[in-house]
């Protein structure tokens, strides 16, 4: 069928009038022709841009850094020591005073002790699920997993969205940077049949709200973000010439009776080129811009540099960054054996440096009030020490977590455990309540609903915020 006159007038530009076969069009329009190394999430961002944004009241916190201590830190050896408990409970570590009278924490959190005035320490977190995977889902989403008490269920589209995915839907970031970034991996456990923990993605909300996962070790000198890398041999100038070529091809495509769906890349192309060329995006991930003294203060290790990268991302407008405890090849905070040496040598020092430095930097930059920091694992450890290997087993019935910034009242201890750190004695808090408190700090009511794929309205969180922590 002949083209309408109006359509023919729109066919102009550097390639107008140059015949080009359908196969050539497809080849030129393909991602490989761009010389880009970009994952599928960018396409999802384009699709997500068409979704209506559900309004949420503005919260004091504009961003959140969620530090997920995968494996389950021992409450008795971190933030809820019991120096008067029997020897088989209290362990090797001593409590030290902090800069808040009456608040003590583990002696090996020496730097963090100077920032207790910025912390809310929750000592009554509890639930009944001793499995890493399903309890991780509750921690990261504010909902029980589809199947509780299970280390056999990997992620699925039945999972509740991660808090970062929910935030991406309700209050997406602006500009070229993604709304939800996870560093440096999606957690998994070698002893869990299901492998990767559920609740780390967008679940039923859809893949377009999945996190951008930035992997690798930012402490390595050759580390780079693959998503911002040109393919080998492709310069920015060459990329720009290909963009011009594609623009011309796109003009010809509009003259065709049938525009192949594979070429419907207008938005995707622009976002891809924008991300690569954006000084904001490239600078955000460039840790070399930080002074050596700052990098050393965070810790020249994978966790410390991920925490520093998280700070750079939130101060440039990324709404939520999840810093997962990395794959250390040694079962993470899951200290079934050699608990005290592992904590003293491998686990607490980098955690102490990273968290203390985050608090210092955000406070000095005037960003702490608008940046929520959450530090928590999926459960705690059993009070009774395992004699034969100096370990502590899983214990979901009482554990500790931290919140800071974002309107949270610092210098606070909420809840209390019994004399052996085994059960809450005052103000029990569920993981769902902890998640609801995070949402409250971000200005999102926990009873907000989103439609699932069947159109059913589902609450974004099952918990109740701890409002005593605000103010």
Protein backbone atom coordinates (compact mmCIF):
# COMPACT_ATOMS: atom_id res chain seq x y z
CA UNK A 1 0.00 0.00 0.00
CA UNK A 2 1.42 3.45 -0.85
CA UNK A 3 2.48 5.74 1.99
CA UNK A 4 0.40 8.73 2.88
CA UNK A 5 1.85 12.05 1.85
CA UNK A 6 2.24 13.14 5.45
CA UNK A 7 4.36 10.10 6.27
CA UNK A 8 6.60 10.57 3.24
CA UNK A 9 7.38 14.14 4.27
CA UNK A 10 8.80 12.85 7.58
CA UNK A 11 11.41 10.72 5.80
CA UNK A 12 14.51 12.87 5.71
CA UNK A 13 17.99 12.97 7.15
CA UNK A 14 21.46 11.62 6.37
CA UNK A 15 20.19 8.26 5.15
CA UNK A 16 16.98 9.40 3.49
CA UNK A 17 16.52 7.79 0.14
CA UNK A 18 19.18 5.15 0.76
CA UNK A 19 17.58 1.71 0.38
CA UNK A 20 18.28 -0.67 3.21
CA UNK A 21 17.12 -4.25 3.58
CA UNK A 22 15.14 -5.51 6.53
CA UNK A 23 17.98 -7.74 7.71
CA UNK A 24 20.42 -4.83 7.62
CA UNK A 25 17.97 -2.76 9.62
CA UNK A 26 17.72 -5.45 12.24
CA UNK A 27 21.46 -5.84 12.44
CA UNK A 28 22.05 -2.13 12.79
CA UNK A 29 19.28 -1.78 15.33
CA UNK A 30 20.48 -4.62 17.50
CA UNK A 31 22.19 -3.92 20.80
CA UNK A 32 25.48 -5.28 19.49
CA UNK A 33 25.57 -2.54 16.87
CA UNK A 34 25.60 0.02 19.65
CA UNK A 35 28.81 -1.36 21.09
CA UNK A 36 27.19 -1.37 24.54
CA UNK A 37 27.51 -3.65 27.53
CA UNK A 38 24.10 -3.07 29.15
CA UNK A 39 21.84 -5.59 30.89
CA UNK A 40 18.15 -6.20 30.38
CA UNK A 41 17.21 -3.97 33.32
CA UNK A 42 17.56 -0.92 31.10
CA UNK A 43 14.75 -2.17 28.89
CA UNK A 44 12.75 -2.71 32.05
CA UNK A 45 13.37 0.87 33.09
CA UNK A 46 11.95 2.07 29.79
CA UNK A 47 8.85 -0.07 30.31
CA UNK A 48 8.55 1.04 33.92
CA UNK A 49 8.59 4.67 32.84
CA UNK A 50 5.18 4.12 31.27
CA UNK A 51 3.70 3.00 34.59
CA UNK A 52 1.85 5.54 36.68
CA UNK A 53 3.73 6.44 39.85
CA UNK A 54 1.66 5.81 42.94
CA UNK A 55 1.86 8.89 45.09
CA UNK A 56 3.29 8.56 48.58
CA UNK A 57 3.59 11.28 51.21
CA UNK A 58 7.06 12.76 51.37
CA UNK A 59 9.09 11.23 54.19
CA UNK A 60 12.04 12.70 56.00
CA UNK A 61 14.28 10.06 54.44
CA UNK A 62 14.86 10.51 50.72
CA UNK A 63 17.07 7.43 50.47
CA UNK A 64 17.98 4.26 52.32
CA UNK A 65 21.13 2.17 52.68
CA UNK A 66 20.17 -1.32 53.80
CA UNK A 67 23.15 -3.22 55.16
CA UNK A 68 22.05 -6.85 55.16
CA UNK A 69 24.32 -8.93 57.39
CA UNK A 70 23.69 -12.25 55.68
CA UNK A 71 24.11 -15.28 57.91
CA UNK A 72 22.73 -13.98 61.20
CA UNK A 73 25.00 -11.94 63.54
CA UNK A 74 25.11 -13.01 67.17
CA UNK A 75 23.17 -10.55 69.32
CA UNK A 76 25.18 -11.59 72.39
CA UNK A 77 28.49 -10.71 70.74
CA UNK A 78 27.49 -7.45 69.02
CA UNK A 79 24.81 -5.18 70.53
CA UNK A 80 23.23 -7.09 73.42
CA UNK A 81 26.03 -8.52 75.54
CA UNK A 82 25.19 -10.32 78.77
CA UNK A 83 28.29 -9.98 80.99
CA UNK A 84 26.49 -11.46 84.01
CA UNK A 85 25.13 -14.53 82.22
CA UNK A 86 26.72 -17.97 82.77
CA UNK A 87 30.02 -18.54 80.97
CA UNK A 88 28.44 -20.85 78.42
CA UNK A 89 26.22 -17.93 77.33
CA UNK A 90 28.19 -14.72 77.73
CA UNK A 91 31.17 -15.68 75.55
CA UNK A 92 34.59 -14.05 75.16
CA UNK A 93 33.77 -10.41 74.51
CA UNK A 94 33.28 -7.54 76.93
CA UNK A 95 30.85 -4.63 76.66
CA UNK A 96 32.23 -1.10 76.35
CA UNK A 97 30.65 2.26 77.03
CA UNK A 98 29.48 4.35 74.09
CA UNK A 99 29.10 8.12 73.77
CA UNK A 100 25.59 7.72 75.19
CA UNK A 101 25.54 7.10 78.95
CA UNK A 102 24.02 3.71 79.79
CA UNK A 103 24.37 2.20 76.31
CA UNK A 104 27.04 -0.44 75.88
CA UNK A 105 28.01 -2.53 72.86
CA UNK A 106 30.73 -5.05 72.00
CA UNK A 107 34.31 -3.94 72.61
CA UNK A 108 35.24 -4.71 68.99
CA UNK A 109 32.81 -2.09 67.67
CA UNK A 110 35.21 0.52 68.95
CA UNK A 111 34.58 3.14 66.27
CA UNK A 112 30.83 2.65 66.19
CA UNK A 113 30.71 3.19 69.95
CA UNK A 114 31.56 6.85 69.27
CA UNK A 115 28.36 7.19 67.20
CA UNK A 116 25.75 5.61 69.48
CA UNK A 117 24.07 9.00 69.69
CA UNK A 118 23.04 8.46 66.06
CA UNK A 119 21.80 4.87 66.53
CA UNK A 120 18.56 3.24 67.54
CA UNK A 121 19.46 -0.24 68.80
CA UNK A 122 16.57 -2.69 68.69
CA UNK A 123 17.21 -5.60 71.07
CA UNK A 124 13.90 -7.43 70.76
CA UNK A 125 13.69 -8.52 67.14
CA UNK A 126 12.21 -11.99 66.93
CA UNK A 127 10.39 -14.55 64.82
CA UNK A 128 10.13 -18.34 64.66
CA UNK A 129 11.82 -19.23 61.36
CA UNK A 130 15.36 -20.67 61.71
CA UNK A 131 15.94 -21.10 57.95
CA UNK A 132 18.22 -18.62 56.19
CA UNK A 133 16.27 -18.36 52.96
CA UNK A 134 12.70 -17.94 54.15
CA UNK A 135 13.65 -15.67 57.07
CA UNK A 136 15.74 -13.58 54.68
CA UNK A 137 12.59 -13.06 52.62
CA UNK A 138 10.76 -11.69 55.67
CA UNK A 139 13.64 -9.35 56.52
CA UNK A 140 13.97 -7.88 53.03
CA UNK A 141 10.29 -7.65 52.08
CA UNK A 142 8.25 -7.22 55.26
CA UNK A 143 6.26 -10.38 54.44
CA UNK A 144 6.54 -14.01 55.36
CA UNK A 145 7.98 -16.14 52.59
CA UNK A 146 5.57 -18.18 50.43
CA UNK A 147 6.89 -21.19 52.35
CA UNK A 148 8.35 -20.55 55.81
CA UNK A 149 10.94 -22.64 57.66
CA UNK A 150 12.51 -23.53 54.35
CA UNK A 151 16.02 -23.40 52.95
CA UNK A 152 14.84 -25.29 49.86
CA UNK A 153 12.83 -22.56 48.12
CA UNK A 154 14.78 -20.29 45.74
CA UNK A 155 13.47 -16.96 44.45
CA UNK A 156 10.25 -17.06 42.46
CA UNK A 157 7.65 -14.74 40.99
CA UNK A 158 5.51 -15.51 44.05
CA UNK A 159 7.89 -13.60 46.33
CA UNK A 160 6.88 -10.29 47.81
CA UNK A 161 8.91 -7.46 46.27
CA UNK A 162 12.08 -6.38 48.03
CA UNK A 163 11.67 -3.04 49.82
CA UNK A 164 13.90 -1.51 47.15
CA UNK A 165 11.59 -2.74 44.39
CA UNK A 166 8.58 -1.36 46.25
CA UNK A 167 10.32 1.97 46.62
CA UNK A 168 11.19 1.92 42.90
CA UNK A 169 7.49 1.54 42.12
CA UNK A 170 6.17 4.08 44.59
CA UNK A 171 8.93 6.69 44.48
CA UNK A 172 11.36 6.04 41.62
CA UNK A 173 14.59 7.93 41.27
CA UNK A 174 15.11 10.53 38.58
CA UNK A 175 17.82 10.89 35.99
CA UNK A 176 20.04 8.23 34.50
CA UNK A 177 20.89 6.31 37.67
CA UNK A 178 18.74 3.29 38.62
CA UNK A 179 16.27 3.40 41.50
CA UNK A 180 17.45 0.25 43.28
CA UNK A 181 21.03 -1.01 43.40
CA UNK A 182 22.32 -4.15 45.14
CA UNK A 183 26.00 -4.59 46.03
CA UNK A 184 28.00 -6.78 45.54
CA UNK A 185 25.79 -9.86 44.88
CA UNK A 186 22.43 -11.52 45.46
CA UNK A 187 23.00 -13.57 48.59
CA UNK A 188 23.02 -17.34 48.53
CA UNK A 189 24.12 -20.05 50.93
CA UNK A 190 26.12 -23.14 49.96
CA UNK A 191 24.39 -25.23 52.65
CA UNK A 192 20.89 -24.24 51.53
CA UNK A 193 19.29 -26.54 48.93
CA UNK A 194 17.48 -23.54 47.46
CA UNK A 195 20.72 -21.63 47.01
CA UNK A 196 19.86 -17.98 46.47
CA UNK A 197 17.67 -16.31 49.07
CA UNK A 198 14.17 -15.27 47.97
CA UNK A 199 12.94 -11.73 48.50
CA UNK A 200 15.90 -10.01 46.84
CA UNK A 201 14.10 -9.14 43.61
CA UNK A 202 10.81 -7.57 42.56
CA UNK A 203 8.93 -10.90 42.79
CA UNK A 204 5.33 -10.53 41.68
CA UNK A 205 5.82 -6.83 40.98
CA UNK A 206 7.69 -7.71 37.79
CA UNK A 207 11.28 -7.84 36.57
CA UNK A 208 11.29 -4.20 35.54
CA UNK A 209 11.61 -3.38 39.26
CA UNK A 210 14.46 -5.83 39.92
CA UNK A 211 17.63 -4.33 41.37
CA UNK A 212 20.65 -3.43 39.32
CA UNK A 213 23.23 -5.80 40.77
CA UNK A 214 26.75 -4.38 40.72
CA UNK A 215 29.13 -7.26 41.31
CA UNK A 216 32.82 -7.71 41.87
CA UNK A 217 35.15 -6.28 44.50
CA UNK A 218 35.32 -2.45 44.38
CA UNK A 219 38.54 -2.64 46.38
CA UNK A 220 40.39 -4.22 43.46
CA UNK A 221 42.35 -1.74 41.32
CA UNK A 222 40.94 -3.13 38.07
CA UNK A 223 37.31 -3.14 39.25
CA UNK A 224 34.83 -1.42 36.98
CA UNK A 225 31.08 -1.38 36.46
CA UNK A 226 30.41 -3.49 33.39
CA UNK A 227 27.10 -1.73 32.83
CA UNK A 228 29.00 1.51 32.16
CA UNK A 229 31.71 -0.05 30.01
CA UNK A 230 32.09 0.23 26.27
CA UNK A 231 32.94 -2.95 24.49
CA UNK A 232 36.62 -3.39 23.79
CA UNK A 233 37.68 -1.30 20.82
CA UNK A 234 34.59 0.94 20.87
CA UNK A 235 35.43 4.55 21.68
CA UNK A 236 32.88 7.13 22.75
CA UNK A 237 33.40 8.89 19.39
CA UNK A 238 32.66 5.66 17.54
CA UNK A 239 29.63 5.13 19.72
CA UNK A 240 28.35 8.58 18.86
CA UNK A 241 28.78 7.89 15.15
CA UNK A 242 26.77 4.69 15.58
CA UNK A 243 24.11 6.67 17.36
CA UNK A 244 23.91 8.99 14.36
CA UNK A 245 23.70 5.97 12.05
CA UNK A 246 20.89 4.50 14.10
CA UNK A 247 19.07 7.82 14.11
CA UNK A 248 19.14 7.79 10.33
CA UNK A 249 18.02 4.18 10.18
CA UNK A 250 15.19 5.03 12.56
CA UNK A 251 14.02 7.73 10.19
CA UNK A 252 13.87 5.17 7.38
CA UNK A 253 12.06 2.73 9.60
CA UNK A 254 9.26 5.23 10.09
CA UNK A 255 8.73 5.16 6.34
CA UNK A 256 8.12 1.41 6.29
CA UNK A 257 4.65 -0.11 6.21
CA UNK A 258 5.76 -2.56 8.89
CA UNK A 259 8.11 -1.34 11.60
CA UNK A 260 9.60 -4.49 13.14
CA UNK A 261 9.08 -4.74 16.88
CA UNK A 262 12.78 -5.47 17.33
CA UNK A 263 13.54 -1.94 16.16
CA UNK A 264 11.25 -0.26 18.64
CA UNK A 265 14.26 0.88 20.62
CA UNK A 266 13.90 4.66 20.62
CA UNK A 267 13.64 5.05 24.39
CA UNK A 268 16.03 2.21 25.10
CA UNK A 269 18.68 3.65 22.80
CA UNK A 270 18.46 7.06 24.37
CA UNK A 271 18.67 5.68 27.90
CA UNK A 272 21.60 3.45 26.93
CA UNK A 273 23.52 6.26 25.30
CA UNK A 274 22.57 8.59 28.13
CA UNK A 275 23.81 6.20 30.79
CA UNK A 276 27.14 5.69 29.04
CA UNK A 277 27.69 9.36 28.31
CA UNK A 278 26.28 10.74 31.58
CA UNK A 279 28.96 12.29 33.79
CA UNK A 280 26.60 11.73 36.72
CA UNK A 281 26.45 7.97 36.18
CA UNK A 282 30.13 7.54 35.49
CA UNK A 283 31.19 9.71 38.42
CA UNK A 284 28.81 8.02 40.85
CA UNK A 285 30.58 4.68 40.43
CA UNK A 286 34.10 6.10 40.24
CA UNK A 287 35.65 5.40 43.62
CA UNK A 288 38.96 6.77 42.37
CA UNK A 289 37.47 10.23 42.95
CA UNK A 290 37.52 9.58 46.69
CA UNK A 291 40.69 10.54 48.60
CA UNK A 292 42.82 7.60 49.68
CA UNK A 293 42.28 8.61 53.29
CA UNK A 294 38.50 8.28 52.90
CA UNK A 295 38.77 4.89 51.22
CA UNK A 296 41.07 3.71 54.00
CA UNK A 297 38.66 4.97 56.65
CA UNK A 298 35.83 2.86 55.19
CA UNK A 299 38.19 -0.12 55.02
CA UNK A 300 40.18 -1.30 52.02
CA UNK A 301 38.05 -4.40 51.70
CA UNK A 302 34.98 -5.38 49.70
CA UNK A 303 32.45 -4.44 52.39
CA UNK A 304 34.00 -1.08 53.18
CA UNK A 305 34.22 -0.05 49.54
CA UNK A 306 30.64 -1.18 48.88
CA UNK A 307 29.51 1.02 51.78
CA UNK A 308 31.44 3.96 50.32
CA UNK A 309 29.90 3.31 46.91
CA UNK A 310 26.46 3.22 48.54
CA UNK A 311 27.07 6.65 50.02
CA UNK A 312 28.07 8.01 46.61
CA UNK A 313 24.92 6.57 45.03
CA UNK A 314 22.39 7.86 47.56
CA UNK A 315 23.88 11.35 47.56
CA UNK A 316 23.34 11.35 43.78
CA UNK A 317 19.68 10.39 44.06
CA UNK A 318 19.47 6.58 44.12
CA UNK A 319 16.52 5.83 46.48
CA UNK A 320 17.73 2.51 47.87
CA UNK A 321 21.06 0.71 47.93
CA UNK A 322 21.29 -2.74 49.50
CA UNK A 323 24.78 -3.65 50.68
CA UNK A 324 24.68 -7.40 51.20
CA UNK A 325 27.43 -9.01 53.22
CA UNK A 326 29.66 -10.41 50.53
CA UNK A 327 30.52 -13.95 49.54
CA UNK A 328 33.53 -14.44 51.79
CA UNK A 329 33.66 -18.19 51.12
CA UNK A 330 33.34 -18.85 54.84
CA UNK A 331 29.60 -18.89 55.57
CA UNK A 332 29.27 -15.14 56.21
CA UNK A 333 27.87 -14.29 59.71
CA UNK A 334 26.66 -17.90 60.03
CA UNK A 335 29.12 -18.74 62.81
CA UNK A 336 28.22 -22.32 63.70
CA UNK A 337 31.87 -22.82 64.54
CA UNK A 338 34.78 -20.64 65.69
CA UNK A 339 32.30 -17.87 66.47
CA UNK A 340 34.55 -15.61 68.52
CA UNK A 341 37.67 -15.70 66.36
CA UNK A 342 35.60 -15.17 63.19
CA UNK A 343 33.81 -12.20 64.72
CA UNK A 344 36.96 -10.62 66.15
CA UNK A 345 39.19 -11.09 63.10
CA UNK A 346 36.97 -11.22 60.02
CA UNK A 347 33.46 -9.91 60.59
CA UNK A 348 33.22 -7.11 63.16
CA UNK A 349 36.25 -5.00 62.09
CA UNK A 350 35.07 -4.32 58.50
CA UNK A 351 31.46 -3.91 59.67
CA UNK A 352 32.58 -1.44 62.36
CA UNK A 353 34.68 0.64 59.95
CA UNK A 354 32.05 0.76 57.22
CA UNK A 355 29.08 1.67 59.41
CA UNK A 356 30.96 4.22 61.50
CA UNK A 357 32.31 5.90 58.37
CA UNK A 358 28.87 6.05 56.78
CA UNK A 359 27.46 7.75 59.85
CA UNK A 360 30.38 10.17 60.02
CA UNK A 361 30.25 11.12 56.35
CA UNK A 362 26.50 11.50 56.07
CA UNK A 363 26.39 13.57 59.24
CA UNK A 364 29.22 15.86 58.11
CA UNK A 365 27.57 16.34 54.72
CA UNK A 366 24.21 17.19 56.26
CA UNK A 367 22.63 14.09 54.71
CA UNK A 368 22.00 11.88 57.71
CA UNK A 369 18.54 13.28 58.42
CA UNK A 370 17.43 12.39 54.90
CA UNK A 371 19.25 9.06 54.59
CA UNK A 372 18.03 6.02 56.51
CA UNK A 373 20.62 3.40 57.44
CA UNK A 374 19.41 -0.08 58.41
CA UNK A 375 21.83 -2.76 59.69
CA UNK A 376 20.30 -6.18 60.32
CA UNK A 377 20.56 -9.91 59.63
CA UNK A 378 17.89 -12.53 59.14
CA UNK A 379 18.13 -13.86 62.73
CA UNK A 380 20.51 -14.14 65.70
CA UNK A 381 22.48 -16.90 67.38
CA UNK A 382 21.65 -19.38 70.11
CA UNK A 383 22.72 -18.18 73.56
CA UNK A 384 24.33 -21.48 74.57
CA UNK A 385 27.75 -21.86 73.00
CA UNK A 386 28.42 -25.18 71.25
CA UNK A 387 31.25 -26.64 73.32
CA UNK A 388 33.05 -28.75 70.76
CA UNK A 389 33.62 -25.95 68.23
CA UNK A 390 32.97 -22.64 70.05
CA UNK A 391 30.05 -21.87 67.72
CA UNK A 392 26.53 -20.56 68.07
CA UNK A 393 23.58 -22.07 66.19
CA UNK A 394 20.64 -20.33 64.48
CA UNK A 395 18.34 -18.44 66.83
CA UNK A 396 15.40 -16.44 65.45
CA UNK A 397 13.68 -16.03 68.81
CA UNK A 398 15.63 -12.90 69.83
CA UNK A 399 18.24 -10.78 68.04
CA UNK A 400 19.33 -7.19 67.42
CA UNK A 401 19.19 -4.68 64.59
CA UNK A 402 20.11 -1.03 64.09
CA UNK A 403 18.47 2.00 62.49
CA UNK A 404 19.95 5.47 62.05
CA UNK A 405 19.20 8.70 60.20
CA UNK A 406 16.02 9.45 58.29
CA UNK A 407 14.25 10.94 61.31
CA UNK A 408 15.14 8.03 63.63
CA UNK A 409 15.84 9.20 67.18
CA UNK A 410 19.48 8.38 67.95
CA UNK A 411 20.92 7.39 71.32
CA UNK A 412 18.01 5.00 71.78
CA UNK A 413 17.58 1.39 72.84
CA UNK A 414 14.20 -0.10 71.97
CA UNK A 415 13.04 -3.35 73.48
CA UNK A 416 14.98 -5.66 75.73
CA UNK A 417 15.88 -9.32 75.89
CA UNK A 418 15.86 -11.59 78.90
CA UNK A 419 18.94 -12.28 81.04
CA UNK A 420 20.43 -14.66 78.47
CA UNK A 421 19.45 -12.91 75.26
CA UNK A 422 17.10 -15.74 74.42
CA UNK A 423 13.66 -14.10 74.24
CA UNK A 424 12.25 -10.58 74.18
CA UNK A 425 11.44 -9.30 77.63
CA UNK A 426 10.06 -5.94 76.48
CA UNK A 427 8.51 -4.60 73.26
CA UNK A 428 8.95 -7.52 70.85
CA UNK A 429 9.58 -6.48 67.24
CA UNK A 430 9.03 -8.67 64.17
CA UNK A 431 11.02 -8.38 60.94
CA UNK A 432 7.81 -7.09 59.40
CA UNK A 433 7.67 -4.31 62.01
CA UNK A 434 11.30 -3.45 61.26
CA UNK A 435 10.49 -3.20 57.54
CA UNK A 436 7.39 -1.11 58.26
CA UNK A 437 9.55 1.28 60.30
CA UNK A 438 11.90 1.65 57.34
CA UNK A 439 8.95 2.45 55.07
CA UNK A 440 7.59 4.94 57.61
CA UNK A 441 10.94 6.74 57.65
CA UNK A 442 10.75 6.92 53.86
CA UNK A 443 7.25 8.39 54.00
CA UNK A 444 5.44 5.31 52.76
CA UNK A 445 2.61 3.91 54.93
CA UNK A 446 2.99 0.18 55.50
CA UNK A 447 -0.70 -0.36 54.66
CA UNK A 448 -0.20 0.98 51.13
CA UNK A 449 -1.43 -1.55 48.57
CA UNK A 450 -0.15 -2.56 45.15
CA UNK A 451 -1.98 -4.71 42.64
CA UNK A 452 -0.51 -8.16 42.05
CA UNK A 453 -0.57 -9.76 38.55
CA UNK A 454 -4.17 -10.86 39.17
CA UNK A 455 -5.23 -7.35 40.10
CA UNK A 456 -5.63 -8.09 43.80
CA UNK A 457 -4.62 -5.27 46.14
CA UNK A 458 -1.84 -6.50 48.45
CA UNK A 459 -0.34 -4.59 51.35
CA UNK A 460 3.30 -3.77 50.77
CA UNK A 461 4.18 -4.78 54.35
CA UNK A 462 2.61 -6.91 57.07
CA UNK A 463 4.20 -5.03 59.97
CA UNK A 464 3.48 -2.03 62.17
CA UNK A 465 6.04 0.79 62.34
CA UNK A 466 7.79 1.49 65.66
CA UNK A 467 6.70 5.09 65.96
CA UNK A 468 8.49 5.54 69.31
CA UNK A 469 11.75 5.64 67.33
CA UNK A 470 10.84 8.86 65.55
CA UNK A 471 11.22 12.39 66.79
